[in-house]
Amino acid sequence: MKTLDPSQIEQLTRLFQYGASEASHALSLWLSRKASVSIEQLEQLSFEQATESLGPADTTLCGCIMGVTGGMTGYMLFCFDDASGLSLCDLLLERSIASEKWGELETSSAMETANIVGCAYLNSLAEEFPRVGAADPEKIVDATQTWVPTPPQFIRDYAASILEFAVMSQATEFDSVLVAKNKFQIDDQPVAWTLLLIPDASSLDSMRRMLG
């Protein structure tokens, strides 16, 4: 069975926490206020469970979807409901009156936030992974290239539809899907934003071999 054991999950969780820490710093600078990104869960799920990671399948959400290129490949998803996403835009645009719909300024603000958080998260992971695999170079996830997200695409769709394509690669190769789910706080208050990091099948297999 191509699955990760509890020890491998624990090691990956520690690694992903480095990414979350760097993303927190970048987001704090971007918003000009205290912000934190932290691992809420990193676990292997069935395909059905993975597609429900953002809530019931028929929940309508907005998302900024980024491919991951370089040493690791897969997807990052920055997701939120309409109200939570628009509140982020109001914060960035310094609006005193709440936005009620998505326009060009709002979608651009959300996508730039996703890009900043995603780049910081992946840059940190790229630095940490070689250290973990240093004892056996053949097991290192390729870190010769910087890990970067592709330009975000903004979509508004059902939660299941947003996730299905991102987890499909793993689901066809593995018995379960690894999903790293991150939560956010602004000024020590939780906000309904979610960042998912989902490696594709080849990268997850490299991680599994690297971790022994």
C-alpha atoms as a PDB file:
ATOM      1  CA  MET A   1       0.000   0.000   0.000  1.00  0.00           C
ATOM      2  CA  LYS A   2       1.391   3.394  -0.952  1.00  0.00           C
ATOM      3  CA  THR A   3       0.668   5.239   2.251  1.00  0.00           C
ATOM      4  CA  LEU A   4       2.716   7.144   4.812  1.00  0.00           C
ATOM      5  CA  ASP A   5       3.172   5.709   8.277  1.00  0.00           C
ATOM      6  CA  PRO A   6       2.570   7.803  11.449  1.00  0.00           C
ATOM      7  CA  SER A   7       6.288   8.599  11.815  1.00  0.00           C
ATOM      8  CA  GLN A   8       6.446   9.958   8.265  1.00  0.00           C
ATOM      9  CA  ILE A   9       3.326  12.043   8.846  1.00  0.00           C
ATOM     10  CA  GLU A  10       4.911  13.478  11.993  1.00  0.00           C
ATOM     11  CA  GLN A  11       8.095  14.382  10.125  1.00  0.00           C
ATOM     12  CA  LEU A  12       6.165  16.033   7.321  1.00  0.00           C
ATOM     13  CA  THR A  13       4.065  17.975   9.809  1.00  0.00           C
ATOM     14  CA  ARG A  14       7.208  19.452  11.357  1.00  0.00           C
ATOM     15  CA  LEU A  15       8.504  20.394   7.915  1.00  0.00           C
ATOM     16  CA  PHE A  16       5.250  22.003   6.865  1.00  0.00           C
ATOM     17  CA  GLN A  17       5.247  24.002  10.087  1.00  0.00           C
ATOM     18  CA  TYR A  18       8.372  25.777   8.824  1.00  0.00           C
ATOM     19  CA  GLY A  19       6.420  26.760   5.733  1.00  0.00           C
ATOM     20  CA  ALA A  20       3.501  28.005   7.812  1.00  0.00           C
ATOM     21  CA  SER A  21       5.846  30.089   9.967  1.00  0.00           C
ATOM     22  CA  GLU A  22       7.349  31.855   6.958  1.00  0.00           C
ATOM     23  CA  ALA A  23       3.893  32.371   5.479  1.00  0.00           C
ATOM     24  CA  SER A  24       2.830  34.008   8.765  1.00  0.00           C
ATOM     25  CA  HIS A  25       5.691  36.482   8.547  1.00  0.00           C
ATOM     26  CA  ALA A  26       4.962  37.332   4.910  1.00  0.00           C
ATOM     27  CA  LEU A  27       1.236  37.756   5.563  1.00  0.00           C
ATOM     28  CA  SER A  28       1.890  40.016   8.570  1.00  0.00           C
ATOM     29  CA  LEU A  29       4.019  42.310   6.404  1.00  0.00           C
ATOM     30  CA  TRP A  30       1.438  42.279   3.603  1.00  0.00           C
ATOM     31  CA  LEU A  31      -1.486  43.130   5.894  1.00  0.00           C
ATOM     32  CA  SER A  32       0.522  45.407   8.211  1.00  0.00           C
ATOM     33  CA  ARG A  33      -0.859  43.617  11.250  1.00  0.00           C
ATOM     34  CA  LYS A  34      -0.302  40.472  13.257  1.00  0.00           C
ATOM     35  CA  ALA A  35      -1.169  37.378  11.248  1.00  0.00           C
ATOM     36  CA  SER A  36      -0.505  33.687  11.655  1.00  0.00           C
ATOM     37  CA  VAL A  37      -0.726  30.615   9.475  1.00  0.00           C
ATOM     38  CA  SER A  38      -0.581  27.247  11.205  1.00  0.00           C
ATOM     39  CA  ILE A  39      -1.058  23.580  10.372  1.00  0.00           C
ATOM     40  CA  GLU A  40      -4.583  22.551  11.309  1.00  0.00           C
ATOM     41  CA  GLN A  41      -4.217  19.014  10.059  1.00  0.00           C
ATOM     42  CA  LEU A  42      -1.950  16.934   7.876  1.00  0.00           C
ATOM     43  CA  GLU A  43      -3.471  13.572   7.253  1.00  0.00           C
ATOM     44  CA  GLN A  44      -4.231  10.944   4.682  1.00  0.00           C
ATOM     45  CA  LEU A  45      -7.835  10.798   3.616  1.00  0.00           C
ATOM     46  CA  SER A  46      -9.938   8.783   1.252  1.00  0.00           C
ATOM     47  CA  PHE A  47     -10.748  10.510  -2.032  1.00  0.00           C
ATOM     48  CA  GLU A  48     -14.264  11.239  -0.779  1.00  0.00           C
ATOM     49  CA  GLN A  49     -12.974  12.683   2.494  1.00  0.00           C
ATOM     50  CA  ALA A  50     -10.351  14.759   0.682  1.00  0.00           C
ATOM     51  CA  THR A  51     -12.965  16.364  -1.564  1.00  0.00           C
ATOM     52  CA  GLU A  52     -14.881  17.352   1.582  1.00  0.00           C
ATOM     53  CA  SER A  53     -11.861  19.015   3.272  1.00  0.00           C
ATOM     54  CA  LEU A  54     -13.360  22.438   2.631  1.00  0.00           C
ATOM     55  CA  GLY A  55     -16.838  21.515   3.803  1.00  0.00           C
ATOM     56  CA  PRO A  56     -19.942  19.877   2.337  1.00  0.00           C
ATOM     57  CA  ALA A  57     -19.654  19.191  -1.373  1.00  0.00           C
ATOM     58  CA  ASP A  58     -22.430  21.629  -2.288  1.00  0.00           C
ATOM     59  CA  THR A  59     -20.948  24.560  -0.328  1.00  0.00           C
ATOM     60  CA  THR A  60     -20.099  27.481  -2.621  1.00  0.00           C
ATOM     61  CA  LEU A  61     -16.596  28.816  -2.049  1.00  0.00           C
ATOM     62  CA  CYS A  62     -14.095  31.100  -3.688  1.00  0.00           C
ATOM     63  CA  GLY A  63     -10.551  29.989  -4.270  1.00  0.00           C
ATOM     64  CA  CYS A  64      -7.215  31.050  -5.633  1.00  0.00           C
ATOM     65  CA  ILE A  65      -5.720  27.956  -7.231  1.00  0.00           C
ATOM     66  CA  MET A  66      -1.972  27.710  -7.809  1.00  0.00           C
ATOM     67  CA  GLY A  67       0.049  24.932  -9.355  1.00  0.00           C
ATOM     68  CA  VAL A  68       3.346  24.097  -7.653  1.00  0.00           C
ATOM     69  CA  THR A  69       6.420  23.819  -9.879  1.00  0.00           C
ATOM     70  CA  GLY A  70      10.104  23.128  -9.323  1.00  0.00           C
ATOM     71  CA  GLY A  71      11.385  20.533  -6.885  1.00  0.00           C
ATOM     72  CA  MET A  72       7.884  19.608  -5.782  1.00  0.00           C
ATOM     73  CA  THR A  73       4.770  19.561  -7.924  1.00  0.00           C
ATOM     74  CA  GLY A  74       1.125  19.661  -6.981  1.00  0.00           C
ATOM     75  CA  TYR A  75      -1.364  22.357  -5.974  1.00  0.00           C
ATOM     76  CA  MET A  76      -1.938  25.063  -3.386  1.00  0.00           C
ATOM     77  CA  LEU A  77      -5.472  26.298  -2.765  1.00  0.00           C
ATOM     78  CA  PHE A  78      -6.295  29.490  -0.860  1.00  0.00           C
ATOM     79  CA  CYS A  79     -10.029  29.251  -0.158  1.00  0.00           C
ATOM     80  CA  PHE A  80     -12.731  31.225   1.654  1.00  0.00           C
ATOM     81  CA  ASP A  81     -16.434  31.941   1.579  1.00  0.00           C
ATOM     82  CA  ASP A  82     -17.647  35.165  -0.018  1.00  0.00           C
ATOM     83  CA  ALA A  83     -17.893  37.165   3.207  1.00  0.00           C
ATOM     84  CA  SER A  84     -14.466  36.133   4.502  1.00  0.00           C
ATOM     85  CA  GLY A  85     -12.776  36.708   1.173  1.00  0.00           C
ATOM     86  CA  LEU A  86     -14.344  40.129   0.687  1.00  0.00           C
ATOM     87  CA  SER A  87     -13.365  41.134   4.231  1.00  0.00           C
ATOM     88  CA  LEU A  88      -9.740  40.417   3.267  1.00  0.00           C
ATOM     89  CA  CYS A  89     -10.103  42.716   0.270  1.00  0.00           C
ATOM     90  CA  ASP A  90     -11.659  45.452   2.406  1.00  0.00           C
ATOM     91  CA  LEU A  91      -8.729  45.193   4.797  1.00  0.00           C
ATOM     92  CA  LEU A  92      -6.183  45.488   2.018  1.00  0.00           C
ATOM     93  CA  LEU A  93      -8.042  48.271   0.210  1.00  0.00           C
ATOM     94  CA  GLU A  94      -8.696  50.113   3.521  1.00  0.00           C
ATOM     95  CA  ARG A  95     -12.412  50.330   2.928  1.00  0.00           C
ATOM     96  CA  SER A  96     -14.760  51.381   5.694  1.00  0.00           C
ATOM     97  CA  ILE A  97     -17.828  50.061   3.862  1.00  0.00           C
ATOM     98  CA  ALA A  98     -17.932  46.300   3.354  1.00  0.00           C
ATOM     99  CA  SER A  99     -17.743  45.001  -0.206  1.00  0.00           C
ATOM    100  CA  GLU A 100     -20.775  43.061  -1.380  1.00  0.00           C
ATOM    101  CA  LYS A 101     -19.549  41.477  -4.590  1.00  0.00           C
ATOM    102  CA  TRP A 102     -16.402  40.380  -6.388  1.00  0.00           C
ATOM    103  CA  GLY A 103     -14.933  42.841  -8.864  1.00  0.00           C
ATOM    104  CA  GLU A 104     -11.542  43.232 -10.513  1.00  0.00           C
ATOM    105  CA  LEU A 105      -9.958  44.951  -7.505  1.00  0.00           C
ATOM    106  CA  GLU A 106     -11.292  42.330  -5.115  1.00  0.00           C
ATOM    107  CA  THR A 107     -10.133  39.331  -7.133  1.00  0.00           C
ATOM    108  CA  SER A 108      -6.713  40.925  -7.718  1.00  0.00           C
ATOM    109  CA  SER A 109      -6.300  41.519  -3.972  1.00  0.00           C
ATOM    110  CA  ALA A 110      -7.188  37.930  -3.151  1.00  0.00           C
ATOM    111  CA  MET A 111      -4.862  36.518  -5.811  1.00  0.00           C
ATOM    112  CA  GLU A 112      -1.930  38.675  -4.720  1.00  0.00           C
ATOM    113  CA  THR A 113      -2.449  37.526  -1.120  1.00  0.00           C
ATOM    114  CA  ALA A 114      -2.444  33.911  -2.281  1.00  0.00           C
ATOM    115  CA  ASN A 115       0.745  34.508  -4.243  1.00  0.00           C
ATOM    116  CA  ILE A 116       2.565  36.104  -1.303  1.00  0.00           C
ATOM    117  CA  VAL A 117       1.529  33.406   1.164  1.00  0.00           C
ATOM    118  CA  GLY A 118       2.210  30.593  -1.302  1.00  0.00           C
ATOM    119  CA  CYS A 119       5.690  31.812  -2.265  1.00  0.00           C
ATOM    120  CA  ALA A 120       6.759  32.217   1.364  1.00  0.00           C
ATOM    121  CA  TYR A 121       5.422  28.781   2.294  1.00  0.00           C
ATOM    122  CA  LEU A 122       7.123  26.977  -0.583  1.00  0.00           C
ATOM    123  CA  ASN A 123      10.443  28.833  -0.284  1.00  0.00           C
ATOM    124  CA  SER A 124      10.719  27.666   3.310  1.00  0.00           C
ATOM    125  CA  LEU A 125       9.888  24.061   2.415  1.00  0.00           C
ATOM    126  CA  ALA A 126      12.507  24.072  -0.345  1.00  0.00           C
ATOM    127  CA  GLU A 127      15.139  25.126   2.187  1.00  0.00           C
ATOM    128  CA  GLU A 128      14.153  22.537   4.790  1.00  0.00           C
ATOM    129  CA  PHE A 129      13.698  19.391   2.706  1.00  0.00           C
ATOM    130  CA  PRO A 130      17.395  18.971   1.698  1.00  0.00           C
ATOM    131  CA  ARG A 131      18.396  19.014   5.364  1.00  0.00           C
ATOM    132  CA  VAL A 132      16.043  16.182   6.146  1.00  0.00           C
ATOM    133  CA  GLY A 133      17.297  13.989   3.328  1.00  0.00           C
ATOM    134  CA  ALA A 134      20.977  14.942   3.577  1.00  0.00           C
ATOM    135  CA  ALA A 135      22.029  11.535   4.942  1.00  0.00           C
ATOM    136  CA  ASP A 136      20.892   9.868   1.738  1.00  0.00           C
ATOM    137  CA  PRO A 137      21.029  12.207  -1.301  1.00  0.00           C
ATOM    138  CA  GLU A 138      19.038   9.755  -3.424  1.00  0.00           C
ATOM    139  CA  LYS A 139      16.041  10.239  -1.135  1.00  0.00           C
ATOM    140  CA  ILE A 140      15.968  14.030  -1.309  1.00  0.00           C
ATOM    141  CA  VAL A 141      12.967  15.610  -2.948  1.00  0.00           C
ATOM    142  CA  ASP A 142      14.569  17.573  -5.781  1.00  0.00           C
ATOM    143  CA  ALA A 143      15.501  20.928  -4.274  1.00  0.00           C
ATOM    144  CA  THR A 144      17.822  22.022  -7.079  1.00  0.00           C
ATOM    145  CA  GLN A 145      15.020  24.277  -8.246  1.00  0.00           C
ATOM    146  CA  THR A 146      13.104  26.808  -6.220  1.00  0.00           C
ATOM    147  CA  TRP A 147       9.603  25.626  -5.403  1.00  0.00           C
ATOM    148  CA  VAL A 148       7.207  28.262  -6.668  1.00  0.00           C
ATOM    149  CA  PRO A 149       3.463  28.582  -7.220  1.00  0.00           C
ATOM    150  CA  THR A 150       2.161  29.350 -10.676  1.00  0.00           C
ATOM    151  CA  PRO A 151       0.146  32.580 -11.027  1.00  0.00           C
ATOM    152  CA  PRO A 152      -3.125  32.151  -9.108  1.00  0.00           C
ATOM    153  CA  GLN A 153      -6.430  31.630 -10.849  1.00  0.00           C
ATOM    154  CA  PHE A 154      -9.568  32.882  -9.111  1.00  0.00           C
ATOM    155  CA  ILE A 155     -12.643  30.668  -9.202  1.00  0.00           C
ATOM    156  CA  ARG A 156     -15.994  30.499  -7.449  1.00  0.00           C
ATOM    157  CA  ASP A 157     -17.485  27.001  -7.394  1.00  0.00           C
ATOM    158  CA  TYR A 158     -18.707  24.148  -5.219  1.00  0.00           C
ATOM    159  CA  ALA A 159     -16.166  22.930  -2.662  1.00  0.00           C
ATOM    160  CA  ALA A 160     -16.014  19.446  -4.150  1.00  0.00           C
ATOM    161  CA  SER A 161     -15.392  20.803  -7.648  1.00  0.00           C
ATOM    162  CA  ILE A 162     -12.548  23.014  -6.420  1.00  0.00           C
ATOM    163  CA  LEU A 163     -10.815  20.058  -4.802  1.00  0.00           C
ATOM    164  CA  GLU A 164     -11.459  17.158  -7.152  1.00  0.00           C
ATOM    165  CA  PHE A 165      -8.886  18.037  -9.785  1.00  0.00           C
ATOM    166  CA  ALA A 166      -6.221  18.847  -7.153  1.00  0.00           C
ATOM    167  CA  VAL A 167      -6.436  15.466  -5.423  1.00  0.00           C
ATOM    168  CA  MET A 168      -7.007  13.326  -8.516  1.00  0.00           C
ATOM    169  CA  SER A 169      -3.300  12.699  -9.208  1.00  0.00           C
ATOM    170  CA  GLN A 170      -2.713  11.242  -5.754  1.00  0.00           C
ATOM    171  CA  ALA A 171      -5.969   9.303  -5.789  1.00  0.00           C
ATOM    172  CA  THR A 172      -5.019   7.407  -8.948  1.00  0.00           C
ATOM    173  CA  GLU A 173      -1.653   6.272  -7.514  1.00  0.00           C
ATOM    174  CA  PHE A 174      -2.149   6.007  -3.754  1.00  0.00           C
ATOM    175  CA  ASP A 175      -4.628   4.340  -1.448  1.00  0.00           C
ATOM    176  CA  SER A 176      -5.310   7.682   0.234  1.00  0.00           C
ATOM    177  CA  VAL A 177      -4.738  11.393  -0.359  1.00  0.00           C
ATOM    178  CA  LEU A 178      -2.349  13.514   1.724  1.00  0.00           C
ATOM    179  CA  VAL A 179      -3.771  16.962   2.461  1.00  0.00           C
ATOM    180  CA  ALA A 180      -1.999  19.681   4.469  1.00  0.00           C
ATOM    181  CA  LYS A 181      -4.649  22.059   5.779  1.00  0.00           C
ATOM    182  CA  ASN A 182      -3.613  25.418   7.236  1.00  0.00           C
ATOM    183  CA  LYS A 183      -5.714  27.840   9.257  1.00  0.00           C
ATOM    184  CA  PHE A 184      -5.357  31.614   9.669  1.00  0.00           C
ATOM    185  CA  GLN A 185      -5.605  34.167  12.455  1.00  0.00           C
ATOM    186  CA  ILE A 186      -5.534  37.940  12.152  1.00  0.00           C
ATOM    187  CA  ASP A 187      -4.859  39.952  15.321  1.00  0.00           C
ATOM    188  CA  ASP A 188      -5.222  36.682  17.264  1.00  0.00           C
ATOM    189  CA  GLN A 189      -8.738  36.141  15.906  1.00  0.00           C
ATOM    190  CA  PRO A 190      -9.558  33.167  13.654  1.00  0.00           C
ATOM    191  CA  VAL A 191     -10.690  33.976  10.132  1.00  0.00           C
ATOM    192  CA  ALA A 192     -12.430  31.632   7.720  1.00  0.00           C
ATOM    193  CA  TRP A 193      -9.576  31.309   5.245  1.00  0.00           C
ATOM    194  CA  THR A 194      -7.980  27.964   4.410  1.00  0.00           C
ATOM    195  CA  LEU A 195      -4.727  27.114   2.657  1.00  0.00           C
ATOM    196  CA  LEU A 196      -4.364  23.580   1.317  1.00  0.00           C
ATOM    197  CA  LEU A 197      -1.109  22.114   0.033  1.00  0.00           C
ATOM    198  CA  ILE A 198      -1.620  18.943  -1.993  1.00  0.00           C
ATOM    199  CA  PRO A 199       1.468  17.283  -3.551  1.00  0.00           C
ATOM    200  CA  ASP A 200       0.867  15.289  -6.708  1.00  0.00           C
ATOM    201  CA  ALA A 201       1.519  11.553  -6.823  1.00  0.00           C
ATOM    202  CA  SER A 202       5.154  11.730  -7.966  1.00  0.00           C
ATOM    203  CA  SER A 203       6.134  14.274  -5.312  1.00  0.00           C
ATOM    204  CA  LEU A 204       4.340  12.393  -2.565  1.00  0.00           C
ATOM    205  CA  ASP A 205       6.125   9.201  -3.579  1.00  0.00           C
ATOM    206  CA  SER A 206       9.467  11.061  -3.411  1.00  0.00           C
ATOM    207  CA  MET A 207       8.603  12.307   0.060  1.00  0.00           C
ATOM    208  CA  ARG A 208       7.638   8.824   1.176  1.00  0.00           C
ATOM    209  CA  ARG A 209      10.982   7.405   0.008  1.00  0.00           C
ATOM    210  CA  MET A 210      12.928  10.325   1.473  1.00  0.00           C
ATOM    211  CA  LEU A 211      11.383   9.835   4.902  1.00  0.00           C
ATOM    212  CA  GLY A 212      12.241   6.114   4.903  1.00  0.00           C
END
